[in-house]
């Protein structure tokens, strides 16, 4: 994801190239929201566009499953489920750079407000961070894409695909790896855009990608009968549209970031800060892959109907989850900016407001989806076995969302405030806890235990998050790391 630029607010901040005349008001408004706007107004400004974008994306995922479902092929629906761990891994690479770099940029922007701050040094450091995020993400995407293309078929078997589901899974995964640099870049650039508070620009890119995806799906799945391969191509091309938009926006509308290779810099503090925070994203997705593989291997023993129902139920339950994600992902720049500025009262108010919003959203939307779960699920399959397994699976997933939203908020706070150890613990906790839970549940309760195992794991992870958050309140009142300031000053000295 890309980043917005702001007109520096403190004396001595870098002037940089003159922005387009129409860019300055937008940039200043974004910075004002992070710095001093009333908390609820700031949260609305930052989170509503994210909620809209994630909700549109979630609705698209449901429609995409409907496109594949219209082909009346259970193996193809199962292929969408098998591919989820691979997609999570690819996006996690973007998360390493995007989340790590985005929170770093927000803290640097906030540090410019501190009394006696060297705004020019912080401004140059922001350009170095943003350049590193883009080019590092692209390099990582190329590596994983090449390896994945070569090993697409073995990877498909590894994630659990077999029999009639093996070929469509290999096709879909192969298309994903072909576009790996695009997926990694779009996630990284979107995080940069939001780091400065430009939530509307971030939303525009995500919605533009979703619309393009829908158009490409019609072309490749309905007009050209390419099945899951067409779905994979549509997903990749639509993300390429988003990359082009974010690159244009950052280049033409931002005044603080740089995508130019001339600002690319590698130093110890850069790597420590970006990867120290971003690695929690990678670990979280890596354990998600492990747990998804485990579930696939266990569930396939109950037949393809359970695998297909899992894929559909996941997409339906994603709607309330994506709304909650829109809140805590949208609020991350506000957390990091307030922490960087040393405004601890504003940080605590932002966390409280986000928690209240997530709880309200979860109860309302999960409740509505739960009430109409049978009717909604029937839209995607007429297979009685898929319907029976799917409604039970959807119920379990909706209960899990009650805990998942607050857990995501806790991780976001840890990432924004440089609590790397706690962020890492929370990121691996779900995977570590899920393995024994699902194995015991499967042995004792059979398929029902498999279905409810993730819900139990979410509850346990939520409890751990509450304990870590309660014991880390002192860290929320600490000052940002001195190394970040020193690195900014070193960058200017060179």
Protein backbone atom coordinates (compact mmCIF):
# COMPACT_ATOMS: atom_id res chain seq x y z
CA UNK A 1 0.00 0.00 0.00
CA UNK A 2 1.24 3.43 -0.56
CA UNK A 3 1.79 6.36 1.61
CA UNK A 4 0.48 9.88 1.72
CA UNK A 5 2.61 12.93 2.09
CA UNK A 6 2.08 15.79 4.47
CA UNK A 7 3.21 19.32 4.71
CA UNK A 8 5.61 19.35 7.68
CA UNK A 9 4.17 21.08 10.73
CA UNK A 10 7.39 21.87 12.58
CA UNK A 11 10.18 24.33 11.80
CA UNK A 12 13.10 22.76 10.06
CA UNK A 13 11.04 19.98 8.51
CA UNK A 14 12.06 19.05 4.97
CA UNK A 15 10.44 21.06 2.24
CA UNK A 16 11.06 18.50 -0.52
CA UNK A 17 9.73 18.98 -4.03
CA UNK A 18 6.80 21.34 -4.28
CA UNK A 19 3.54 19.39 -4.17
CA UNK A 20 0.78 19.84 -6.65
CA UNK A 21 -1.39 22.78 -5.55
CA UNK A 22 -4.40 20.61 -4.86
CA UNK A 23 -2.42 18.12 -2.76
CA UNK A 24 -1.53 20.41 0.14
CA UNK A 25 -5.00 20.77 1.71
CA UNK A 26 -5.59 17.01 1.62
CA UNK A 27 -2.18 16.28 3.09
CA UNK A 28 -2.59 18.84 5.85
CA UNK A 29 -6.03 17.49 6.68
CA UNK A 30 -4.68 13.94 7.00
CA UNK A 31 -1.90 15.10 9.32
CA UNK A 32 -4.36 17.12 11.39
CA UNK A 33 -6.51 14.05 11.93
CA UNK A 34 -3.54 12.17 13.33
CA UNK A 35 -2.26 15.05 15.42
CA UNK A 36 -5.14 16.87 17.07
CA UNK A 37 -8.64 16.08 15.76
CA UNK A 38 -11.15 14.77 18.36
CA UNK A 39 -10.65 11.04 18.79
CA UNK A 40 -14.01 9.94 17.43
CA UNK A 41 -13.66 12.24 14.45
CA UNK A 42 -10.15 10.88 13.80
CA UNK A 43 -11.37 7.29 14.10
CA UNK A 44 -14.23 7.94 11.68
CA UNK A 45 -11.82 9.56 9.22
CA UNK A 46 -9.33 6.70 9.44
CA UNK A 47 -11.55 3.66 9.98
CA UNK A 48 -14.70 4.19 7.92
CA UNK A 49 -12.80 4.14 4.60
CA UNK A 50 -10.97 1.01 5.76
CA UNK A 51 -14.21 -0.64 6.81
CA UNK A 52 -15.76 0.22 3.45
CA UNK A 53 -12.77 -1.10 1.52
CA UNK A 54 -12.42 -4.32 3.52
CA UNK A 55 -16.17 -4.92 3.42
CA UNK A 56 -16.23 -4.48 -0.34
CA UNK A 57 -13.32 -6.89 -0.58
CA UNK A 58 -15.08 -9.38 1.66
CA UNK A 59 -18.28 -9.12 -0.34
CA UNK A 60 -16.22 -9.68 -3.47
CA UNK A 61 -14.73 -12.85 -1.96
CA UNK A 62 -18.27 -14.10 -1.43
CA UNK A 63 -19.18 -13.20 -5.03
CA UNK A 64 -16.00 -14.87 -6.28
CA UNK A 65 -16.99 -18.08 -4.51
CA UNK A 66 -20.40 -17.65 -6.12
CA UNK A 67 -18.80 -17.44 -9.58
CA UNK A 68 -16.95 -20.69 -8.96
CA UNK A 69 -20.03 -22.20 -7.33
CA UNK A 70 -22.04 -21.43 -10.48
CA UNK A 71 -19.85 -23.97 -12.28
CA UNK A 72 -21.29 -26.64 -9.92
CA UNK A 73 -17.87 -28.06 -9.18
CA UNK A 74 -17.13 -29.03 -5.58
CA UNK A 75 -13.42 -29.70 -6.41
CA UNK A 76 -13.07 -26.11 -7.67
CA UNK A 77 -14.66 -24.73 -4.50
CA UNK A 78 -12.30 -26.92 -2.50
CA UNK A 79 -9.37 -25.49 -4.50
CA UNK A 80 -10.20 -22.01 -3.18
CA UNK A 81 -9.92 -23.37 0.36
CA UNK A 82 -6.66 -25.20 -0.30
CA UNK A 83 -5.09 -22.04 -1.71
CA UNK A 84 -5.73 -19.88 1.37
CA UNK A 85 -2.45 -20.78 3.16
CA UNK A 86 -0.45 -19.87 0.05
CA UNK A 87 -2.15 -16.53 -0.35
CA UNK A 88 -1.61 -15.81 3.35
CA UNK A 89 2.11 -16.49 3.00
CA UNK A 90 2.48 -14.20 0.01
CA UNK A 91 0.60 -11.37 1.70
CA UNK A 92 2.64 -11.91 4.87
CA UNK A 93 5.79 -10.96 2.96
CA UNK A 94 4.11 -7.68 2.10
CA UNK A 95 3.08 -7.35 5.74
CA UNK A 96 6.67 -7.62 6.93
CA UNK A 97 7.60 -4.54 4.93
CA UNK A 98 4.25 -2.73 4.99
CA UNK A 99 3.33 -3.01 8.67
CA UNK A 100 6.91 -2.63 9.88
CA UNK A 101 7.62 0.32 7.60
CA UNK A 102 4.20 1.93 7.90
CA UNK A 103 4.25 2.11 11.70
CA UNK A 104 7.84 3.40 11.56
CA UNK A 105 6.76 6.22 9.23
CA UNK A 106 3.82 7.18 11.45
CA UNK A 107 6.06 7.33 14.52
CA UNK A 108 8.56 9.51 12.64
CA UNK A 109 5.76 11.85 11.58
CA UNK A 110 4.61 12.07 15.18
CA UNK A 111 8.15 12.72 16.41
CA UNK A 112 8.24 15.91 14.33
CA UNK A 113 5.77 17.40 16.82
CA UNK A 114 8.07 16.88 19.79
CA UNK A 115 9.70 20.00 21.19
CA UNK A 116 13.16 20.52 19.71
CA UNK A 117 12.66 17.77 17.10
CA UNK A 118 14.81 17.80 13.97
CA UNK A 119 12.04 17.73 11.38
CA UNK A 120 14.44 17.73 8.45
CA UNK A 121 16.22 14.60 9.67
CA UNK A 122 12.92 12.81 10.33
CA UNK A 123 11.66 13.83 6.88
CA UNK A 124 14.69 12.34 5.15
CA UNK A 125 14.38 9.18 7.20
CA UNK A 126 10.74 8.82 6.12
CA UNK A 127 11.85 8.87 2.47
CA UNK A 128 14.45 6.21 3.16
CA UNK A 129 11.95 3.99 4.95
CA UNK A 130 9.30 4.26 2.22
CA UNK A 131 11.82 3.50 -0.53
CA UNK A 132 13.09 0.47 1.39
CA UNK A 133 9.53 -0.78 1.93
CA UNK A 134 8.68 -0.76 -1.79
CA UNK A 135 11.90 -2.18 -3.22
CA UNK A 136 12.39 -4.67 -0.42
CA UNK A 137 8.82 -5.92 -0.86
CA UNK A 138 9.27 -6.33 -4.62
CA UNK A 139 12.49 -8.28 -4.14
CA UNK A 140 10.81 -10.57 -1.63
CA UNK A 141 7.86 -11.07 -3.98
CA UNK A 142 10.09 -12.04 -6.89
CA UNK A 143 11.93 -14.64 -4.81
CA UNK A 144 8.82 -16.31 -3.43
CA UNK A 145 7.10 -16.11 -6.83
CA UNK A 146 9.89 -17.91 -8.70
CA UNK A 147 10.19 -20.64 -6.07
CA UNK A 148 6.43 -21.07 -5.93
CA UNK A 149 5.98 -21.37 -9.69
CA UNK A 150 8.58 -24.11 -9.87
CA UNK A 151 6.97 -26.02 -7.00
CA UNK A 152 3.28 -25.27 -7.66
CA UNK A 153 2.19 -28.90 -8.03
CA UNK A 154 4.10 -30.25 -4.99
CA UNK A 155 2.83 -27.32 -2.92
CA UNK A 156 -0.75 -28.13 -3.97
CA UNK A 157 -0.32 -31.67 -2.71
CA UNK A 158 1.33 -30.35 0.46
CA UNK A 159 -1.66 -28.16 1.32
CA UNK A 160 -3.87 -31.23 1.11
CA UNK A 161 -5.24 -31.25 -2.45
CA UNK A 162 -5.62 -34.65 -4.04
CA UNK A 163 -7.73 -36.47 -6.60
CA UNK A 164 -10.05 -34.24 -8.62
CA UNK A 165 -9.10 -31.16 -6.56
CA UNK A 166 -5.36 -31.38 -7.30
CA UNK A 167 -5.37 -29.89 -10.81
CA UNK A 168 -7.59 -26.83 -10.10
CA UNK A 169 -5.63 -26.17 -6.90
CA UNK A 170 -2.32 -26.25 -8.78
CA UNK A 171 -3.73 -23.86 -11.39
CA UNK A 172 -4.97 -21.37 -8.82
CA UNK A 173 -1.79 -21.52 -6.74
CA UNK A 174 0.37 -21.18 -9.86
CA UNK A 175 -1.48 -18.01 -10.83
CA UNK A 176 -0.97 -16.66 -7.31
CA UNK A 177 2.78 -17.20 -7.43
CA UNK A 178 3.00 -15.63 -10.88
CA UNK A 179 1.59 -12.42 -9.41
CA UNK A 180 3.47 -12.67 -6.08
CA UNK A 181 5.48 -9.42 -6.61
CA UNK A 182 2.19 -7.61 -7.27
CA UNK A 183 0.49 -8.94 -4.13
CA UNK A 184 3.47 -8.09 -1.95
CA UNK A 185 3.81 -4.60 -3.44
CA UNK A 186 0.13 -3.71 -3.13
CA UNK A 187 0.02 -4.60 0.56
CA UNK A 188 3.24 -2.74 1.31
CA UNK A 189 2.23 0.37 -0.63
CA UNK A 190 -1.23 0.52 0.91
CA UNK A 191 0.30 0.49 4.37
CA UNK A 192 2.52 3.43 3.43
CA UNK A 193 -0.47 5.40 2.20
CA UNK A 194 -2.31 4.85 5.46
CA UNK A 195 0.76 5.60 7.56
CA UNK A 196 0.18 9.28 6.94
CA UNK A 197 -3.54 9.11 7.59
CA UNK A 198 -4.70 9.01 3.96
CA UNK A 199 -7.41 6.44 4.61
CA UNK A 200 -9.60 7.63 1.72
CA UNK A 201 -6.80 7.13 -0.80
CA UNK A 202 -6.18 3.67 0.64
CA UNK A 203 -9.88 2.87 0.33
CA UNK A 204 -10.00 4.10 -3.24
CA UNK A 205 -7.22 1.74 -4.25
CA UNK A 206 -8.84 -1.27 -2.59
CA UNK A 207 -12.27 -0.54 -4.08
CA UNK A 208 -10.75 0.07 -7.51
CA UNK A 209 -9.04 -3.32 -7.25
CA UNK A 210 -12.29 -5.02 -6.22
CA UNK A 211 -14.21 -3.54 -9.14
CA UNK A 212 -11.47 -4.59 -11.55
CA UNK A 213 -11.52 -8.07 -10.02
CA UNK A 214 -15.25 -8.37 -10.60
CA UNK A 215 -14.87 -7.33 -14.24
CA UNK A 216 -12.01 -9.77 -14.80
CA UNK A 217 -13.99 -12.56 -13.13
CA UNK A 218 -16.87 -12.09 -15.55
CA UNK A 219 -14.41 -12.18 -18.44
CA UNK A 220 -12.23 -15.09 -17.36
CA UNK A 221 -14.80 -17.31 -15.60
CA UNK A 222 -18.11 -16.67 -17.37
CA UNK A 223 -17.12 -15.47 -20.85
CA UNK A 224 -13.88 -17.44 -21.13
CA UNK A 225 -14.50 -20.71 -19.26
CA UNK A 226 -11.13 -20.78 -17.47
CA UNK A 227 -12.47 -21.81 -14.06
CA UNK A 228 -10.16 -21.34 -11.10
CA UNK A 229 -7.28 -20.37 -13.39
CA UNK A 230 -9.42 -17.47 -14.57
CA UNK A 231 -10.15 -16.56 -10.95
CA UNK A 232 -6.42 -16.54 -10.20
CA UNK A 233 -5.64 -14.33 -13.21
CA UNK A 234 -8.47 -11.97 -12.29
CA UNK A 235 -7.15 -11.61 -8.75
CA UNK A 236 -3.60 -10.90 -9.93
CA UNK A 237 -4.55 -8.35 -12.59
CA UNK A 238 -6.90 -6.48 -10.26
CA UNK A 239 -4.10 -6.10 -7.72
CA UNK A 240 -1.83 -4.79 -10.47
CA UNK A 241 -4.44 -2.06 -11.01
CA UNK A 242 -4.19 -1.16 -7.31
CA UNK A 243 -0.37 -1.08 -7.45
CA UNK A 244 -0.53 1.36 -10.36
CA UNK A 245 -2.98 3.58 -8.48
CA UNK A 246 -0.96 3.66 -5.26
CA UNK A 247 2.30 4.31 -7.11
CA UNK A 248 0.65 7.20 -8.96
CA UNK A 249 -0.84 8.61 -5.78
CA UNK A 250 2.36 8.46 -3.79
CA UNK A 251 4.38 9.95 -6.61
CA UNK A 252 1.99 12.76 -7.48
CA UNK A 253 0.10 13.53 -4.28
CA UNK A 254 2.45 12.74 -1.42
CA UNK A 255 4.97 15.25 -0.09
CA UNK A 256 6.74 13.20 2.58
CA UNK A 257 7.48 9.76 1.12
CA UNK A 258 9.66 8.63 -1.74
CA UNK A 259 9.56 5.54 -3.94
CA UNK A 260 12.79 6.45 -5.67
CA UNK A 261 15.69 3.96 -5.49
CA UNK A 262 18.03 6.87 -4.77
CA UNK A 263 16.59 7.05 -1.26
CA UNK A 264 17.01 3.31 -0.70
CA UNK A 265 19.09 2.71 2.41
CA UNK A 266 19.98 -0.32 4.49
CA UNK A 267 21.24 0.13 8.02
CA UNK A 268 20.94 -1.69 11.31
CA UNK A 269 18.18 0.53 12.70
CA UNK A 270 16.15 0.28 9.48
CA UNK A 271 16.28 -3.51 9.47
CA UNK A 272 15.70 -3.81 13.22
CA UNK A 273 12.67 -1.56 13.26
CA UNK A 274 10.96 -2.69 10.04
CA UNK A 275 11.58 -6.40 10.51
CA UNK A 276 11.24 -6.28 14.29
CA UNK A 277 7.63 -5.14 13.94
CA UNK A 278 6.86 -6.72 10.58
CA UNK A 279 8.06 -10.18 11.51
CA UNK A 280 5.01 -10.57 13.73
CA UNK A 281 2.91 -10.45 10.56
CA UNK A 282 5.06 -13.13 8.94
CA UNK A 283 4.94 -15.38 11.99
CA UNK A 284 1.19 -14.96 12.31
CA UNK A 285 0.66 -15.94 8.67
CA UNK A 286 3.20 -18.77 8.88
CA UNK A 287 1.35 -20.32 11.78
CA UNK A 288 -1.90 -19.72 9.92
CA UNK A 289 -0.45 -21.79 7.10
CA UNK A 290 0.48 -24.57 9.49
CA UNK A 291 -2.96 -24.58 11.08
CA UNK A 292 -4.68 -24.43 7.67
CA UNK A 293 -2.63 -27.37 6.46
CA UNK A 294 -3.51 -29.30 9.59
CA UNK A 295 -7.19 -28.54 9.19
CA UNK A 296 -7.09 -29.51 5.50
CA UNK A 297 -5.40 -32.81 6.28
CA UNK A 298 -7.90 -33.61 9.03
CA UNK A 299 -10.98 -32.33 7.19
CA UNK A 300 -10.23 -34.17 3.95
CA UNK A 301 -10.77 -37.36 5.91
CA UNK A 302 -14.41 -36.31 6.28
CA UNK A 303 -14.82 -35.72 2.53
CA UNK A 304 -14.61 -32.84 0.04
CA UNK A 305 -17.98 -31.49 1.22
CA UNK A 306 -16.44 -30.32 4.51
CA UNK A 307 -13.54 -28.65 2.66
CA UNK A 308 -15.91 -26.87 0.30
CA UNK A 309 -18.17 -25.74 3.16
CA UNK A 310 -15.15 -24.40 5.06
CA UNK A 311 -14.20 -22.19 2.13
CA UNK A 312 -17.69 -20.75 1.74
CA UNK A 313 -18.24 -20.31 5.49
CA UNK A 314 -14.92 -18.52 5.81
CA UNK A 315 -15.87 -16.02 3.13
CA UNK A 316 -19.25 -15.31 4.72
CA UNK A 317 -17.84 -14.89 8.22
CA UNK A 318 -15.17 -12.58 6.84
CA UNK A 319 -17.69 -9.76 6.51
CA UNK A 320 -17.91 -8.91 10.24
CA UNK A 321 -14.21 -9.79 10.62
CA UNK A 322 -13.23 -7.39 7.83
CA UNK A 323 -15.29 -4.62 9.42
CA UNK A 324 -13.42 -5.11 12.70
CA UNK A 325 -10.14 -5.26 10.81
CA UNK A 326 -11.03 -1.98 9.20
CA UNK A 327 -11.20 -0.44 12.67
CA UNK A 328 -7.90 -1.63 14.11
CA UNK A 329 -5.98 -1.45 10.83
CA UNK A 330 -7.34 2.03 10.19
CA UNK A 331 -6.39 3.14 13.69
CA UNK A 332 -2.78 1.88 13.57
CA UNK A 333 -1.42 5.17 12.13
CA UNK A 334 -3.19 7.07 14.93
CA UNK A 335 -1.67 4.77 17.56
CA UNK A 336 1.83 5.05 16.11
CA UNK A 337 1.61 8.82 15.50
CA UNK A 338 0.39 9.50 19.05
CA UNK A 339 3.10 7.26 20.47
CA UNK A 340 5.78 8.95 18.35
CA UNK A 341 4.58 12.38 19.50
CA UNK A 342 4.57 11.28 23.14
CA UNK A 343 0.85 12.04 23.41
CA UNK A 344 -0.06 9.16 25.72
CA UNK A 345 -3.51 10.43 26.68
CA UNK A 346 -4.49 10.54 23.00
CA UNK A 347 -3.09 7.04 22.50
CA UNK A 348 -5.17 5.61 25.35
CA UNK A 349 -8.32 7.37 24.10
CA UNK A 350 -7.76 5.98 20.60
CA UNK A 351 -7.39 2.43 21.95
CA UNK A 352 -10.56 2.73 24.05
CA UNK A 353 -12.59 4.15 21.17
CA UNK A 354 -11.40 1.38 18.85
CA UNK A 355 -12.29 -1.34 21.37
CA UNK A 356 -15.82 0.02 21.87
CA UNK A 357 -16.32 0.20 18.10
CA UNK A 358 -15.13 -3.36 17.53
CA UNK A 359 -17.35 -4.82 20.22
CA UNK A 360 -20.42 -3.02 18.88
CA UNK A 361 -19.74 -4.01 15.29
CA UNK A 362 -19.10 -7.64 16.18
CA UNK A 363 -22.32 -8.06 18.14
CA UNK A 364 -24.51 -6.39 15.50
CA UNK A 365 -23.12 -7.81 12.27
CA UNK A 366 -22.24 -11.29 13.50
CA UNK A 367 -25.71 -11.50 15.00
CA UNK A 368 -27.37 -10.58 11.69
CA UNK A 369 -25.32 -13.06 9.69
CA UNK A 370 -26.06 -15.75 12.28
CA UNK A 371 -29.81 -15.18 12.01
CA UNK A 372 -29.80 -15.65 8.23
CA UNK A 373 -27.00 -18.24 8.02
CA UNK A 374 -29.12 -20.96 6.41
CA UNK A 375 -30.50 -18.71 3.68
CA UNK A 376 -27.13 -17.13 2.95
CA UNK A 377 -25.27 -20.43 2.73
CA UNK A 378 -27.88 -21.88 0.36
CA UNK A 379 -26.85 -19.27 -2.22
CA UNK A 380 -23.50 -20.99 -2.75
CA UNK A 381 -24.27 -24.67 -2.96
CA UNK A 382 -27.16 -27.06 -3.42
CA UNK A 383 -25.19 -30.03 -2.09
CA UNK A 384 -27.01 -31.18 1.10
CA UNK A 385 -23.72 -32.31 2.68
CA UNK A 386 -22.11 -28.92 2.03
CA UNK A 387 -25.15 -27.12 3.47
CA UNK A 388 -25.24 -29.26 6.60
CA UNK A 389 -21.52 -28.92 7.35
CA UNK A 390 -21.40 -25.30 6.25
CA UNK A 391 -24.08 -23.88 8.54
CA UNK A 392 -22.42 -25.50 11.57
CA UNK A 393 -19.03 -24.21 10.43
CA UNK A 394 -20.40 -20.71 9.92
CA UNK A 395 -21.91 -20.67 13.42
CA UNK A 396 -18.55 -21.56 14.96
CA UNK A 397 -16.73 -18.92 12.92
CA UNK A 398 -19.21 -16.20 13.88
CA UNK A 399 -18.75 -16.95 17.58
CA UNK A 400 -14.98 -16.71 17.04
CA UNK A 401 -15.31 -13.18 15.63
CA UNK A 402 -16.40 -11.95 19.07
CA UNK A 403 -12.87 -12.58 20.34
CA UNK A 404 -10.93 -12.15 17.10
CA UNK A 405 -11.57 -8.42 16.72
CA UNK A 406 -10.18 -7.46 20.14
CA UNK A 407 -7.22 -9.80 19.66
CA UNK A 408 -6.41 -8.03 16.39
CA UNK A 409 -6.65 -4.66 18.13
CA UNK A 410 -4.19 -5.76 20.83
CA UNK A 411 -1.68 -6.91 18.19
CA UNK A 412 -2.10 -3.60 16.33
CA UNK A 413 -1.35 -1.64 19.48
CA UNK A 414 1.76 -3.71 20.16
CA UNK A 415 2.98 -3.16 16.59
CA UNK A 416 2.31 0.58 16.63
CA UNK A 417 4.10 1.12 19.95
CA UNK A 418 7.22 -0.95 19.19
CA UNK A 419 6.31 -3.73 21.62
CA UNK A 420 7.93 -6.27 19.34
CA UNK A 421 8.11 -9.10 21.88
CA UNK A 422 4.41 -8.94 22.75
CA UNK A 423 3.42 -8.60 19.10
CA UNK A 424 5.45 -11.69 18.27
CA UNK A 425 3.99 -13.69 21.17
CA UNK A 426 0.45 -12.85 20.10
CA UNK A 427 1.22 -13.64 16.47
CA UNK A 428 2.42 -17.15 17.20
CA UNK A 429 0.00 -17.89 20.04
CA UNK A 430 -2.95 -18.77 17.85
CA UNK A 431 -0.96 -21.30 15.82
CA UNK A 432 0.76 -22.81 18.85
CA UNK A 433 -2.51 -23.20 20.74
CA UNK A 434 -4.55 -24.41 17.78
CA UNK A 435 -2.47 -27.52 17.08
CA UNK A 436 -3.17 -29.34 20.36
CA UNK A 437 -6.74 -28.02 20.45
CA UNK A 438 -7.71 -29.36 17.03
CA UNK A 439 -5.93 -32.70 17.55
CA UNK A 440 -7.66 -33.29 20.89
CA UNK A 441 -11.02 -32.04 19.58
CA UNK A 442 -10.83 -34.31 16.55
CA UNK A 443 -9.93 -37.33 18.68
CA UNK A 444 -12.69 -36.70 21.23
CA UNK A 445 -15.53 -35.07 19.27
CA UNK A 446 -14.81 -35.95 15.64
CA UNK A 447 -15.92 -33.56 12.91
CA UNK A 448 -17.81 -31.34 15.36
CA UNK A 449 -14.60 -30.90 17.34
CA UNK A 450 -12.71 -29.88 14.18
CA UNK A 451 -15.37 -27.30 13.35
CA UNK A 452 -15.30 -25.68 16.83
CA UNK A 453 -11.55 -25.96 17.44
CA UNK A 454 -10.76 -22.53 15.97
CA UNK A 455 -13.40 -20.91 18.17
CA UNK A 456 -11.82 -22.41 21.28
CA UNK A 457 -8.38 -21.26 20.11
CA UNK A 458 -9.62 -17.71 19.53
CA UNK A 459 -10.98 -17.63 23.09
CA UNK A 460 -7.65 -18.78 24.53
CA UNK A 461 -5.69 -16.29 22.41
CA UNK A 462 -8.02 -13.51 23.50
CA UNK A 463 -7.33 -14.36 27.14
CA UNK A 464 -3.58 -14.25 26.55
CA UNK A 465 -3.91 -10.90 24.81
CA UNK A 466 -5.75 -9.42 27.76
CA UNK A 467 -3.01 -10.58 30.14
CA UNK A 468 -0.19 -9.16 27.98
CA UNK A 469 -2.02 -5.87 27.47
CA UNK A 470 -2.67 -5.48 31.20
CA UNK A 471 1.00 -6.07 31.99
CA UNK A 472 2.29 -3.73 29.27
CA UNK A 473 0.45 -0.53 30.20
CA UNK A 474 3.73 1.04 31.31
CA UNK A 475 5.13 0.59 27.79
CA UNK A 476 2.29 2.70 26.39
CA UNK A 477 3.58 5.63 28.43
CA UNK A 478 7.20 5.17 27.33
CA UNK A 479 9.01 7.31 24.78
CA UNK A 480 9.74 5.98 21.29
CA UNK A 481 13.10 4.29 20.86
CA UNK A 482 16.05 6.65 20.84
CA UNK A 483 17.60 4.60 18.03
CA UNK A 484 14.96 5.87 15.59
CA UNK A 485 15.87 9.48 16.33
CA UNK A 486 19.57 8.74 16.07
CA UNK A 487 19.06 7.00 12.73
CA UNK A 488 17.15 9.99 11.36
CA UNK A 489 19.94 12.34 12.43
CA UNK A 490 22.56 10.03 10.92
CA UNK A 491 20.66 10.00 7.63
CA UNK A 492 20.71 13.80 7.50
CA UNK A 493 24.41 13.93 8.41
CA UNK A 494 25.24 11.78 5.40
